[in-house]
Protein backbone atom coordinates (compact mmCIF):
# COMPACT_ATOMS: atom_id res chain seq x y z
CA MET A 1 0.00 0.00 0.00
CA PRO A 2 1.55 3.36 -1.03
CA PRO A 3 1.92 6.08 1.60
CA SER A 4 -0.73 8.76 1.87
CA PRO A 5 -0.06 12.06 0.05
CA LYS A 6 0.48 13.79 3.40
CA LEU A 7 3.04 11.20 4.51
CA ARG A 8 4.74 11.32 1.11
CA ASP A 9 5.02 15.14 1.37
CA GLU A 10 6.50 14.85 4.86
CA ILE A 11 9.06 12.29 3.66
CA VAL A 12 10.02 14.49 0.70
CA ALA A 13 10.47 17.48 3.02
CA ILE A 14 12.66 15.47 5.41
CA VAL A 15 14.84 14.17 2.56
CA LYS A 16 15.23 17.65 1.01
CA ASN A 17 16.19 19.10 4.39
CA ALA A 18 18.74 16.33 5.00
CA LEU A 19 20.28 16.79 1.55
CA ALA A 20 20.50 20.56 1.99
CA LYS A 21 22.44 20.03 5.23
CA ALA A 22 24.65 17.24 3.85
CA LEU A 23 25.68 18.86 0.56
CA PRO A 24 28.14 21.74 0.78
CA ARG A 25 27.13 25.16 -0.48
CA GLU A 26 28.41 26.49 -3.80
CA TRP A 27 30.56 29.08 -1.97
CA MET A 28 32.52 27.99 1.12
CA ASN A 29 34.73 29.76 3.62
CA THR A 30 38.22 28.44 4.41
CA GLU A 31 37.04 26.10 7.17
CA GLN A 32 34.30 24.58 5.00
CA ALA A 33 36.64 24.24 2.01
CA ALA A 34 39.31 22.56 4.14
CA ARG A 35 36.75 20.09 5.49
CA TYR A 36 35.50 19.44 1.94
CA LEU A 37 39.06 18.82 0.68
CA GLY A 38 40.16 16.86 3.74
CA CYS A 39 43.00 19.20 4.67
CA SER A 40 43.65 21.72 7.43
CA THR A 41 42.62 25.36 7.29
CA GLN A 42 46.28 26.22 7.89
CA HIS A 43 47.24 24.41 4.68
CA LEU A 44 44.93 26.67 2.66
CA GLU A 45 45.90 29.80 4.62
CA ILE A 46 49.64 29.23 4.24
CA GLY A 47 49.15 28.42 0.57
CA ARG A 48 47.34 31.72 0.02
CA ALA A 49 50.11 33.61 1.83
CA LYS A 50 52.73 31.96 -0.40
CA GLY A 51 50.98 32.81 -3.65
CA ASN A 52 48.55 29.87 -3.89
CA ARG A 53 50.83 27.79 -6.12
CA GLY A 54 49.33 24.35 -6.59
CA LEU A 55 46.25 25.06 -4.47
CA PRO A 56 42.65 25.63 -5.53
CA PRO A 57 41.58 29.09 -6.70
CA TYR A 58 39.70 31.36 -4.32
CA SER A 59 37.88 34.68 -4.36
CA LYS A 60 38.45 37.50 -1.94
CA GLN A 61 36.32 40.51 -1.08
CA GLY A 62 38.00 42.58 1.59
CA ARG A 63 38.93 40.09 4.32
CA MET A 64 36.38 37.47 3.18
CA VAL A 65 37.91 34.47 1.41
CA ARG A 66 35.58 32.11 -0.44
CA TYR A 67 36.10 28.92 -2.43
CA ARG A 68 33.63 27.80 -5.09
CA ARG A 69 32.68 24.11 -4.83
CA SER A 70 32.85 23.59 -8.60
CA GLU A 71 36.40 25.00 -8.65
CA LEU A 72 37.42 22.75 -5.74
CA ASP A 73 36.05 19.75 -7.65
CA ALA A 74 37.92 20.81 -10.80
CA TRP A 75 41.13 21.29 -8.79
CA LEU A 76 40.75 17.82 -7.27
CA GLU A 77 40.39 16.35 -10.76
CA THR A 78 43.57 18.06 -12.00
CA ALA A 79 45.44 17.00 -8.85
CA LYS A 80 44.80 13.30 -9.51
CA VAL A 81 47.83 11.11 -9.98
CA ALA A 82 47.43 8.11 -12.24
CA HIS A 83 48.57 4.78 -10.83
CA ASP A 84 50.46 4.11 -14.06
CA ALA A 85 52.51 7.26 -13.58
CA LEU A 86 53.42 6.21 -10.05
CA SER A 87 54.41 2.67 -10.99
CA SER A 88 56.63 3.84 -13.88
CA THR A 89 58.67 6.09 -11.59
CA VAL A 90 59.32 3.45 -8.94
C-alpha cells in the first residue's frame, strides 16, 4: 500500500532538508573548504600567503575568502595522480 499524500510530502520534506544540510554550499569559507578537501585550514591559509601555487583558486572581497565548490572539484580532478605514472617512476 503506497503512503498517503500527506506522509509522502513529509518524507520528501525530510529528505530535502537532510540533503540541503549534507551537501556543501556552492561558496565555502576556508574552514568549509578545508573540510570538503580533507586538509587543514592552515594548509589553505599558508598556501594563500605563499601565492597559492598548486592550491585551488579562491575569491576574496575585503577580508572574506571564499572557495567555489565547482572550482574545488575541478582542482581535485587536476590534482589526480594516475597509478600508471606512479608505478613507472618506482
